[in-house]
Amino acid sequence: MSDRAPKDTESDSAVPAVVIVMGSDSDLPVMKEAGAALDELGVSYQLEILSAHRTPEQAREFASAARERGIKVIIAGAGGAAHLPGVLAAYTTLPVIGVPITTANLGGLDSLLSIVQMPRGVPVATVAINGARNAGILAAQVLALTDADLQEQLITQKRALAEAVIEKANLIKEQGQPC
């Protein structure tokens, strides 16, 4: 039996297992992919907008209280200077997964480097630029350490990925193309 709370995409009274945080609503098109991955696995989550620069006190309060609220993993997306994941990680011992968001000037490389170059003692797991879907899956993998049902769903998902590749390879071979 799973100990996961029911889906809580925004305001249900149940505590979400994961909180997806972004610095601005302009990050939502990317960050909603983390929610989609979590939805597919039945993992509860909540969306938040907090800014490391515009609402630093709220960001600190959120991160400092996250564990006591029952949150298990934080996914934080940010572009440009991309300080949000690191600021949240500074105030909690929960796993923080950073999602670098594409930027107009440097294509997200600035975001990636800002998130991945954390100082010793303040880790942030980092996925690819705009890799929010993988952030959702990684959050589920963390939760699956103590949830056998979720672990089985992830195993099934990986098998489906492998089967899709094999099917495509076989199709190419059937069409006479070397693999």
N, C-alpha and C. Protein backbone atom coordinates (compact mmCIF):
# COMPACT_ATOMS: atom_id res chain seq x y z
N MET A 1 0.84 -1.18 0.00
CA MET A 1 0.00 0.00 0.00
C MET A 1 0.88 1.24 0.00
N SER A 2 0.55 2.18 -0.84
CA SER A 2 1.33 3.41 -0.95
C SER A 2 1.01 4.38 0.16
N ASP A 3 2.04 5.08 0.64
CA ASP A 3 1.79 6.09 1.66
C ASP A 3 1.74 7.48 1.03
N ARG A 4 1.60 7.54 -0.28
CA ARG A 4 1.53 8.83 -0.96
C ARG A 4 0.18 9.48 -0.71
N ALA A 5 0.20 10.77 -0.55
CA ALA A 5 -1.04 11.53 -0.40
C ALA A 5 -1.72 11.61 -1.76
N PRO A 6 -3.04 11.86 -1.76
CA PRO A 6 -3.71 12.04 -3.04
C PRO A 6 -3.16 13.26 -3.77
N LYS A 7 -3.42 13.32 -5.08
CA LYS A 7 -2.94 14.46 -5.86
C LYS A 7 -3.39 15.75 -5.22
N ASP A 8 -2.50 16.70 -5.19
CA ASP A 8 -2.77 18.00 -4.59
C ASP A 8 -2.10 19.03 -5.46
N THR A 9 -2.66 19.28 -6.63
CA THR A 9 -1.97 20.14 -7.56
C THR A 9 -1.93 21.58 -7.12
N GLU A 10 -2.79 22.01 -6.20
CA GLU A 10 -2.65 23.37 -5.74
C GLU A 10 -3.17 23.61 -4.34
N SER A 11 -4.38 23.18 -3.99
CA SER A 11 -4.91 23.69 -2.74
C SER A 11 -5.58 22.66 -1.83
N ASP A 12 -5.50 21.40 -2.14
CA ASP A 12 -6.07 20.38 -1.28
C ASP A 12 -5.45 20.46 0.10
N SER A 13 -6.15 19.99 1.12
CA SER A 13 -5.62 20.08 2.48
C SER A 13 -4.50 19.08 2.74
N ALA A 14 -4.38 18.05 1.92
CA ALA A 14 -3.30 17.08 2.10
C ALA A 14 -1.96 17.74 1.78
N VAL A 15 -0.95 17.33 2.51
CA VAL A 15 0.39 17.87 2.28
C VAL A 15 0.96 17.25 1.01
N PRO A 16 1.44 18.07 0.08
CA PRO A 16 2.02 17.50 -1.13
C PRO A 16 3.39 16.89 -0.84
N ALA A 17 3.73 15.85 -1.56
CA ALA A 17 5.05 15.24 -1.41
C ALA A 17 6.13 16.12 -2.02
N VAL A 18 5.75 16.83 -3.08
CA VAL A 18 6.70 17.64 -3.85
C VAL A 18 6.12 19.04 -4.01
N VAL A 19 6.98 20.02 -3.93
CA VAL A 19 6.57 21.38 -4.28
C VAL A 19 7.43 21.83 -5.45
N ILE A 20 6.75 22.32 -6.48
CA ILE A 20 7.41 22.86 -7.67
C ILE A 20 7.39 24.37 -7.53
N VAL A 21 8.58 24.94 -7.42
CA VAL A 21 8.72 26.37 -7.18
C VAL A 21 9.34 27.01 -8.41
N MET A 22 8.82 28.17 -8.78
CA MET A 22 9.40 28.93 -9.88
C MET A 22 9.45 30.39 -9.50
N GLY A 23 10.38 31.12 -10.09
CA GLY A 23 10.57 32.52 -9.75
C GLY A 23 9.53 33.44 -10.34
N SER A 24 8.85 32.98 -11.38
CA SER A 24 7.88 33.82 -12.08
C SER A 24 6.90 32.93 -12.83
N ASP A 25 5.72 33.46 -13.09
CA ASP A 25 4.76 32.69 -13.87
C ASP A 25 5.23 32.48 -15.30
N SER A 26 6.21 33.24 -15.76
CA SER A 26 6.76 33.01 -17.10
C SER A 26 7.51 31.68 -17.19
N ASP A 27 7.87 31.10 -16.05
CA ASP A 27 8.53 29.80 -16.02
C ASP A 27 7.55 28.63 -16.10
N LEU A 28 6.26 28.92 -15.98
CA LEU A 28 5.25 27.86 -15.92
C LEU A 28 5.24 26.95 -17.15
N PRO A 29 5.38 27.46 -18.38
CA PRO A 29 5.38 26.53 -19.53
C PRO A 29 6.43 25.43 -19.42
N VAL A 30 7.58 25.74 -18.84
CA VAL A 30 8.62 24.72 -18.64
C VAL A 30 8.30 23.87 -17.42
N MET A 31 7.98 24.51 -16.30
CA MET A 31 7.84 23.81 -15.03
C MET A 31 6.61 22.92 -14.96
N LYS A 32 5.61 23.18 -15.79
CA LYS A 32 4.42 22.31 -15.77
C LYS A 32 4.76 20.89 -16.20
N GLU A 33 5.89 20.72 -16.90
CA GLU A 33 6.32 19.38 -17.30
C GLU A 33 6.70 18.53 -16.09
N ALA A 34 7.23 19.15 -15.05
CA ALA A 34 7.51 18.41 -13.82
C ALA A 34 6.20 17.90 -13.23
N GLY A 35 5.19 18.76 -13.24
CA GLY A 35 3.88 18.36 -12.74
C GLY A 35 3.27 17.24 -13.58
N ALA A 36 3.46 17.31 -14.89
CA ALA A 36 2.92 16.26 -15.76
C ALA A 36 3.56 14.91 -15.43
N ALA A 37 4.87 14.90 -15.22
CA ALA A 37 5.56 13.65 -14.86
C ALA A 37 5.05 13.12 -13.53
N LEU A 38 4.85 14.01 -12.57
CA LEU A 38 4.35 13.59 -11.26
C LEU A 38 2.90 13.11 -11.35
N ASP A 39 2.09 13.80 -12.15
CA ASP A 39 0.70 13.36 -12.37
C ASP A 39 0.64 11.94 -12.90
N GLU A 40 1.50 11.63 -13.88
CA GLU A 40 1.51 10.29 -14.48
C GLU A 40 1.82 9.21 -13.45
N LEU A 41 2.55 9.58 -12.41
CA LEU A 41 2.93 8.62 -11.38
C LEU A 41 2.06 8.71 -10.13
N GLY A 42 1.09 9.61 -10.13
CA GLY A 42 0.19 9.76 -8.99
C GLY A 42 0.84 10.40 -7.78
N VAL A 43 1.88 11.20 -7.98
CA VAL A 43 2.58 11.84 -6.87
C VAL A 43 1.98 13.23 -6.64
N SER A 44 1.66 13.52 -5.40
CA SER A 44 1.06 14.81 -5.07
C SER A 44 2.09 15.92 -5.16
N TYR A 45 1.65 17.09 -5.62
CA TYR A 45 2.54 18.23 -5.71
C TYR A 45 1.73 19.51 -5.61
N GLN A 46 2.47 20.57 -5.41
CA GLN A 46 1.88 21.90 -5.33
C GLN A 46 2.78 22.85 -6.10
N LEU A 47 2.21 23.85 -6.72
CA LEU A 47 2.97 24.87 -7.43
C LEU A 47 3.08 26.11 -6.56
N GLU A 48 4.26 26.73 -6.58
CA GLU A 48 4.49 27.97 -5.83
C GLU A 48 5.29 28.92 -6.70
N ILE A 49 5.08 30.21 -6.52
CA ILE A 49 5.92 31.23 -7.14
C ILE A 49 6.60 31.98 -6.01
N LEU A 50 7.93 31.91 -5.99
CA LEU A 50 8.76 32.60 -5.01
C LEU A 50 9.97 33.13 -5.77
N SER A 51 10.45 34.26 -5.37
CA SER A 51 11.62 34.82 -6.03
C SER A 51 12.76 34.99 -5.03
N ALA A 52 13.92 34.50 -5.41
CA ALA A 52 15.10 34.66 -4.56
C ALA A 52 15.46 36.14 -4.42
N HIS A 53 15.09 36.94 -5.41
CA HIS A 53 15.48 38.35 -5.43
C HIS A 53 14.34 39.29 -5.05
N ARG A 54 13.12 38.97 -5.43
CA ARG A 54 11.99 39.86 -5.18
C ARG A 54 11.24 39.53 -3.89
N THR A 55 11.25 38.27 -3.50
CA THR A 55 10.59 37.86 -2.25
C THR A 55 11.52 36.97 -1.43
N PRO A 56 12.69 37.46 -1.09
CA PRO A 56 13.66 36.60 -0.40
C PRO A 56 13.19 36.11 0.96
N GLU A 57 12.46 36.91 1.70
CA GLU A 57 11.97 36.48 3.02
C GLU A 57 10.96 35.35 2.88
N GLN A 58 10.07 35.45 1.90
CA GLN A 58 9.09 34.38 1.68
C GLN A 58 9.79 33.10 1.23
N ALA A 59 10.82 33.23 0.41
CA ALA A 59 11.58 32.05 -0.03
C ALA A 59 12.25 31.39 1.16
N ARG A 60 12.86 32.18 2.04
CA ARG A 60 13.50 31.65 3.24
C ARG A 60 12.48 30.97 4.14
N GLU A 61 11.36 31.62 4.36
CA GLU A 61 10.32 31.04 5.23
C GLU A 61 9.79 29.73 4.66
N PHE A 62 9.56 29.71 3.35
CA PHE A 62 9.07 28.49 2.70
C PHE A 62 10.05 27.34 2.91
N ALA A 63 11.32 27.57 2.57
CA ALA A 63 12.32 26.51 2.65
C ALA A 63 12.55 26.07 4.10
N SER A 64 12.59 27.02 5.00
CA SER A 64 12.84 26.71 6.41
C SER A 64 11.73 25.84 7.01
N ALA A 65 10.51 26.02 6.55
CA ALA A 65 9.37 25.29 7.10
C ALA A 65 8.95 24.07 6.28
N ALA A 66 9.59 23.86 5.14
CA ALA A 66 9.15 22.80 4.23
C ALA A 66 9.14 21.42 4.87
N ARG A 67 10.19 21.06 5.57
CA ARG A 67 10.26 19.74 6.20
C ARG A 67 9.14 19.58 7.24
N GLU A 68 8.94 20.59 8.08
CA GLU A 68 7.88 20.50 9.10
C GLU A 68 6.51 20.40 8.48
N ARG A 69 6.33 20.96 7.29
CA ARG A 69 5.04 20.86 6.58
C ARG A 69 4.83 19.47 5.99
N GLY A 70 5.89 18.66 5.94
CA GLY A 70 5.77 17.31 5.39
C GLY A 70 6.19 17.18 3.95
N ILE A 71 6.71 18.24 3.38
CA ILE A 71 7.21 18.19 2.01
C ILE A 71 8.45 17.32 2.01
N LYS A 72 8.63 16.55 0.93
CA LYS A 72 9.76 15.63 0.85
C LYS A 72 10.80 16.02 -0.18
N VAL A 73 10.40 16.69 -1.25
CA VAL A 73 11.31 17.09 -2.31
C VAL A 73 10.85 18.45 -2.86
N ILE A 74 11.82 19.30 -3.17
CA ILE A 74 11.54 20.60 -3.79
C ILE A 74 12.16 20.61 -5.18
N ILE A 75 11.36 20.99 -6.16
CA ILE A 75 11.85 21.21 -7.52
C ILE A 75 11.79 22.72 -7.72
N ALA A 76 12.91 23.33 -8.10
CA ALA A 76 12.95 24.78 -8.26
C ALA A 76 13.50 25.14 -9.63
N GLY A 77 12.72 25.87 -10.39
CA GLY A 77 13.15 26.33 -11.70
C GLY A 77 13.52 27.79 -11.66
N ALA A 78 14.54 28.16 -12.41
CA ALA A 78 14.96 29.55 -12.45
C ALA A 78 15.76 29.82 -13.71
N GLY A 79 15.66 31.05 -14.20
CA GLY A 79 16.43 31.46 -15.36
C GLY A 79 17.39 32.57 -14.99
N GLY A 80 18.30 32.87 -15.90
CA GLY A 80 19.26 33.95 -15.68
C GLY A 80 20.21 33.65 -14.54
N ALA A 81 20.23 34.53 -13.55
CA ALA A 81 21.10 34.33 -12.39
C ALA A 81 20.74 33.05 -11.65
N ALA A 82 19.50 32.63 -11.74
CA ALA A 82 19.02 31.31 -11.28
C ALA A 82 19.41 31.00 -9.84
N HIS A 83 19.20 31.92 -8.95
CA HIS A 83 19.56 31.73 -7.55
C HIS A 83 18.53 30.96 -6.75
N LEU A 84 17.29 30.86 -7.22
CA LEU A 84 16.22 30.27 -6.42
C LEU A 84 16.54 28.87 -5.89
N PRO A 85 16.98 27.92 -6.72
CA PRO A 85 17.27 26.59 -6.16
C PRO A 85 18.31 26.63 -5.05
N GLY A 86 19.36 27.41 -5.23
CA GLY A 86 20.41 27.50 -4.22
C GLY A 86 19.95 28.17 -2.94
N VAL A 87 19.16 29.21 -3.07
CA VAL A 87 18.63 29.88 -1.87
C VAL A 87 17.75 28.92 -1.09
N LEU A 88 16.88 28.18 -1.77
CA LEU A 88 16.03 27.22 -1.07
C LEU A 88 16.89 26.14 -0.40
N ALA A 89 17.90 25.65 -1.11
CA ALA A 89 18.78 24.61 -0.56
C ALA A 89 19.54 25.11 0.66
N ALA A 90 19.80 26.40 0.72
CA ALA A 90 20.53 26.97 1.86
C ALA A 90 19.72 26.89 3.15
N TYR A 91 18.40 26.82 3.03
CA TYR A 91 17.53 26.87 4.20
C TYR A 91 16.83 25.54 4.52
N THR A 92 17.21 24.47 3.83
CA THR A 92 16.58 23.17 4.11
C THR A 92 17.58 22.05 3.87
N THR A 93 17.31 20.91 4.48
CA THR A 93 18.09 19.71 4.19
C THR A 93 17.32 18.77 3.27
N LEU A 94 16.15 19.19 2.81
CA LEU A 94 15.41 18.40 1.84
C LEU A 94 16.15 18.39 0.50
N PRO A 95 15.95 17.35 -0.31
CA PRO A 95 16.53 17.38 -1.65
C PRO A 95 15.90 18.51 -2.47
N VAL A 96 16.75 19.28 -3.11
CA VAL A 96 16.31 20.34 -4.02
C VAL A 96 16.83 19.98 -5.41
N ILE A 97 15.92 19.97 -6.37
CA ILE A 97 16.27 19.68 -7.76
C ILE A 97 16.11 20.97 -8.54
N GLY A 98 17.20 21.44 -9.14
CA GLY A 98 17.18 22.69 -9.89
C GLY A 98 16.91 22.44 -11.36
N VAL A 99 16.05 23.29 -11.93
CA VAL A 99 15.74 23.24 -13.35
C VAL A 99 16.18 24.57 -13.97
N PRO A 100 17.27 24.56 -14.73
CA PRO A 100 17.68 25.78 -15.42
C PRO A 100 16.70 26.09 -16.55
N ILE A 101 16.27 27.34 -16.63
CA ILE A 101 15.30 27.76 -17.64
C ILE A 101 16.04 28.52 -18.75
N THR A 102 15.65 28.28 -19.98
CA THR A 102 16.24 28.97 -21.13
C THR A 102 16.11 30.48 -20.96
N THR A 103 17.15 31.18 -21.35
CA THR A 103 17.14 32.65 -21.34
C THR A 103 17.38 33.17 -22.75
N ALA A 104 16.96 34.41 -22.97
CA ALA A 104 17.09 35.02 -24.30
C ALA A 104 18.55 35.28 -24.66
N ASN A 105 19.34 35.72 -23.71
CA ASN A 105 20.71 36.14 -24.03
C ASN A 105 21.69 34.98 -24.17
N LEU A 106 21.63 34.02 -23.28
CA LEU A 106 22.63 32.95 -23.28
C LEU A 106 22.02 31.56 -23.44
N GLY A 107 20.77 31.49 -23.79
CA GLY A 107 20.13 30.22 -24.08
C GLY A 107 19.96 29.29 -22.89
N GLY A 108 20.13 29.81 -21.69
CA GLY A 108 19.99 28.98 -20.50
C GLY A 108 21.31 28.50 -19.92
N LEU A 109 22.40 28.73 -20.65
CA LEU A 109 23.71 28.34 -20.12
C LEU A 109 24.00 29.09 -18.81
N ASP A 110 23.60 30.35 -18.74
CA ASP A 110 23.77 31.12 -17.51
C ASP A 110 23.00 30.49 -16.36
N SER A 111 21.78 30.05 -16.64
CA SER A 111 20.95 29.40 -15.62
C SER A 111 21.59 28.08 -15.17
N LEU A 112 22.02 27.28 -16.13
CA LEU A 112 22.65 26.00 -15.82
C LEU A 112 23.86 26.18 -14.93
N LEU A 113 24.75 27.08 -15.31
CA LEU A 113 25.96 27.28 -14.53
C LEU A 113 25.66 27.84 -13.14
N SER A 114 24.68 28.71 -13.04
CA SER A 114 24.32 29.26 -11.73
C SER A 114 23.81 28.18 -10.79
N ILE A 115 23.06 27.24 -11.32
CA ILE A 115 22.48 26.20 -10.46
C ILE A 115 23.49 25.10 -10.16
N VAL A 116 24.26 24.69 -11.15
CA VAL A 116 25.15 23.55 -10.95
C VAL A 116 26.39 23.90 -10.13
N GLN A 117 26.79 25.16 -10.10
CA GLN A 117 28.01 25.55 -9.40
C GLN A 117 27.74 25.97 -7.96
N MET A 118 27.10 25.11 -7.20
CA MET A 118 26.80 25.41 -5.80
C MET A 118 28.05 25.19 -4.95
N PRO A 119 28.17 25.97 -3.87
CA PRO A 119 29.33 25.79 -3.00
C PRO A 119 29.24 24.50 -2.19
N ARG A 120 30.37 24.03 -1.72
CA ARG A 120 30.44 22.83 -0.90
C ARG A 120 29.48 22.94 0.28
N GLY A 121 28.73 21.89 0.50
CA GLY A 121 27.82 21.84 1.64
C GLY A 121 26.40 22.28 1.33
N VAL A 122 26.16 22.82 0.13
CA VAL A 122 24.81 23.26 -0.25
C VAL A 122 24.49 22.67 -1.63
N PRO A 123 24.24 21.36 -1.68
CA PRO A 123 24.01 20.72 -2.98
C PRO A 123 22.64 21.02 -3.56
N VAL A 124 22.61 21.11 -4.87
CA VAL A 124 21.36 21.17 -5.63
C VAL A 124 21.53 20.19 -6.79
N ALA A 125 20.67 19.18 -6.85
CA ALA A 125 20.69 18.29 -8.01
C ALA A 125 20.21 19.12 -9.19
N THR A 126 20.83 18.94 -10.34
CA THR A 126 20.51 19.79 -11.48
C THR A 126 20.22 18.93 -12.70
N VAL A 127 19.13 19.26 -13.39
CA VAL A 127 18.78 18.57 -14.63
C VAL A 127 19.12 19.48 -15.81
N ALA A 128 18.84 19.02 -17.00
CA ALA A 128 19.16 19.77 -18.21
C ALA A 128 18.38 21.09 -18.29
N ILE A 129 18.85 21.96 -19.13
CA ILE A 129 18.11 23.20 -19.40
C ILE A 129 16.70 22.83 -19.88
N ASN A 130 15.70 23.40 -19.23
CA ASN A 130 14.28 23.11 -19.48
C ASN A 130 13.93 21.64 -19.20
N GLY A 131 14.72 20.97 -18.38
CA GLY A 131 14.52 19.55 -18.10
C GLY A 131 13.56 19.27 -16.95
N ALA A 132 12.47 20.01 -16.89
CA ALA A 132 11.54 19.87 -15.76
C ALA A 132 10.91 18.47 -15.70
N ARG A 133 10.68 17.85 -16.84
CA ARG A 133 10.10 16.50 -16.83
C ARG A 133 11.03 15.54 -16.08
N ASN A 134 12.33 15.61 -16.37
CA ASN A 134 13.28 14.76 -15.65
C ASN A 134 13.33 15.12 -14.17
N ALA A 135 13.14 16.39 -13.85
CA ALA A 135 13.11 16.79 -12.44
C ALA A 135 11.94 16.11 -11.73
N GLY A 136 10.79 16.04 -12.39
CA GLY A 136 9.64 15.35 -11.81
C GLY A 136 9.91 13.87 -11.61
N ILE A 137 10.53 13.26 -12.60
CA ILE A 137 10.87 11.83 -12.48
C ILE A 137 11.90 11.61 -11.38
N LEU A 138 12.91 12.47 -11.31
CA LEU A 138 13.92 12.35 -10.26
C LEU A 138 13.29 12.50 -8.87
N ALA A 139 12.38 13.44 -8.72
CA ALA A 139 11.68 13.60 -7.45
C ALA A 139 10.93 12.32 -7.09
N ALA A 140 10.28 11.72 -8.07
CA ALA A 140 9.57 10.46 -7.83
C ALA A 140 10.54 9.35 -7.45
N GLN A 141 11.72 9.32 -8.06
CA GLN A 141 12.71 8.30 -7.70
C GLN A 141 13.18 8.46 -6.25
N VAL A 142 13.32 9.70 -5.80
CA VAL A 142 13.67 9.94 -4.40
C VAL A 142 12.56 9.40 -3.50
N LEU A 143 11.33 9.71 -3.83
CA LEU A 143 10.19 9.24 -3.03
C LEU A 143 10.07 7.72 -3.06
N ALA A 144 10.45 7.12 -4.18
CA ALA A 144 10.34 5.67 -4.33
C ALA A 144 11.30 4.90 -3.43
N LEU A 145 12.25 5.57 -2.84
CA LEU A 145 13.14 4.90 -1.89
C LEU A 145 12.36 4.32 -0.71
N THR A 146 11.22 4.91 -0.41
CA THR A 146 10.40 4.42 0.70
C THR A 146 8.97 4.09 0.25
N ASP A 147 8.77 3.89 -1.04
CA ASP A 147 7.42 3.62 -1.57
C ASP A 147 7.53 2.56 -2.66
N ALA A 148 7.25 1.32 -2.29
CA ALA A 148 7.40 0.19 -3.22
C ALA A 148 6.46 0.31 -4.41
N ASP A 149 5.25 0.81 -4.22
CA ASP A 149 4.32 0.96 -5.34
C ASP A 149 4.85 1.95 -6.37
N LEU A 150 5.38 3.04 -5.89
CA LEU A 150 5.94 4.04 -6.79
C LEU A 150 7.17 3.47 -7.50
N GLN A 151 7.97 2.71 -6.80
CA GLN A 151 9.13 2.06 -7.41
C GLN A 151 8.69 1.17 -8.56
N GLU A 152 7.62 0.42 -8.37
CA GLU A 152 7.11 -0.45 -9.44
C GLU A 152 6.63 0.36 -10.64
N GLN A 153 5.99 1.49 -10.38
CA GLN A 153 5.55 2.35 -11.48
C GLN A 153 6.75 2.88 -12.28
N LEU A 154 7.79 3.24 -11.58
CA LEU A 154 8.99 3.74 -12.26
C LEU A 154 9.66 2.65 -13.08
N ILE A 155 9.68 1.43 -12.55
CA ILE A 155 10.25 0.30 -13.30
C ILE A 155 9.44 0.07 -14.56
N THR A 156 8.12 0.11 -14.45
CA THR A 156 7.25 -0.06 -15.61
C THR A 156 7.48 1.03 -16.63
N GLN A 157 7.65 2.26 -16.16
CA GLN A 157 7.91 3.39 -17.05
C GLN A 157 9.22 3.20 -17.81
N LYS A 158 10.26 2.75 -17.12
CA LYS A 158 11.57 2.52 -17.77
C LYS A 158 11.46 1.40 -18.81
N ARG A 159 10.71 0.36 -18.48
CA ARG A 159 10.52 -0.74 -19.44
C ARG A 159 9.82 -0.25 -20.69
N ALA A 160 8.82 0.62 -20.51
CA ALA A 160 8.08 1.16 -21.65
C ALA A 160 9.00 2.00 -22.53
N LEU A 161 9.91 2.76 -21.92
CA LEU A 161 10.88 3.53 -22.71
C LEU A 161 11.76 2.61 -23.54
N ALA A 162 12.24 1.53 -22.93
CA ALA A 162 13.10 0.58 -23.63
C ALA A 162 12.34 -0.10 -24.77
N GLU A 163 11.11 -0.48 -24.49
CA GLU A 163 10.31 -1.15 -25.53
C GLU A 163 10.06 -0.23 -26.71
N ALA A 164 9.85 1.05 -26.47
CA ALA A 164 9.63 2.01 -27.56
C ALA A 164 10.86 2.12 -28.44
N VAL A 165 12.05 2.11 -27.84
CA VAL A 165 13.29 2.18 -28.62
C VAL A 165 13.45 0.91 -29.46
N ILE A 166 13.19 -0.23 -28.86
CA ILE A 166 13.32 -1.50 -29.57
C ILE A 166 12.34 -1.55 -30.74
N GLU A 167 11.10 -1.10 -30.52
CA GLU A 167 10.11 -1.08 -31.60
C GLU A 167 10.57 -0.20 -32.76
N LYS A 168 11.12 0.97 -32.45
CA LYS A 168 11.60 1.87 -33.51
C LYS A 168 12.78 1.26 -34.25
N ALA A 169 13.68 0.61 -33.53
CA ALA A 169 14.82 -0.05 -34.17
C ALA A 169 14.35 -1.16 -35.10
N ASN A 170 13.39 -1.95 -34.65
CA ASN A 170 12.85 -3.03 -35.47
C ASN A 170 12.15 -2.49 -36.71
N LEU A 171 11.44 -1.38 -36.56
CA LEU A 171 10.77 -0.76 -37.70
C LEU A 171 11.77 -0.32 -38.75
N ILE A 172 12.86 0.28 -38.31
CA ILE A 172 13.89 0.71 -39.25
C ILE A 172 14.49 -0.50 -39.96
N LYS A 173 14.75 -1.58 -39.22
CA LYS A 173 15.30 -2.80 -39.83
C LYS A 173 14.33 -3.37 -40.85
N GLU A 174 13.04 -3.36 -40.52
CA GLU A 174 12.02 -3.89 -41.44
C GLU A 174 11.96 -3.09 -42.73
N GLN A 175 12.29 -1.82 -42.65
CA GLN A 175 12.27 -0.96 -43.83
C GLN A 175 13.57 -1.06 -44.62
N GLY A 176 14.46 -1.95 -44.20
CA GLY A 176 15.68 -2.19 -44.93
C GLY A 176 16.82 -1.22 -44.60
N GLN A 177 16.67 -0.47 -43.54
CA GLN A 177 17.73 0.45 -43.15
C GLN A 177 18.64 -0.24 -42.13
N PRO A 178 19.95 -0.13 -42.32
CA PRO A 178 20.84 -0.74 -41.33
C PRO A 178 20.79 0.04 -40.00
N CYS A 179 20.96 -0.68 -38.93
CA CYS A 179 20.97 -0.05 -37.60
C CYS A 179 22.33 -0.03 -37.02
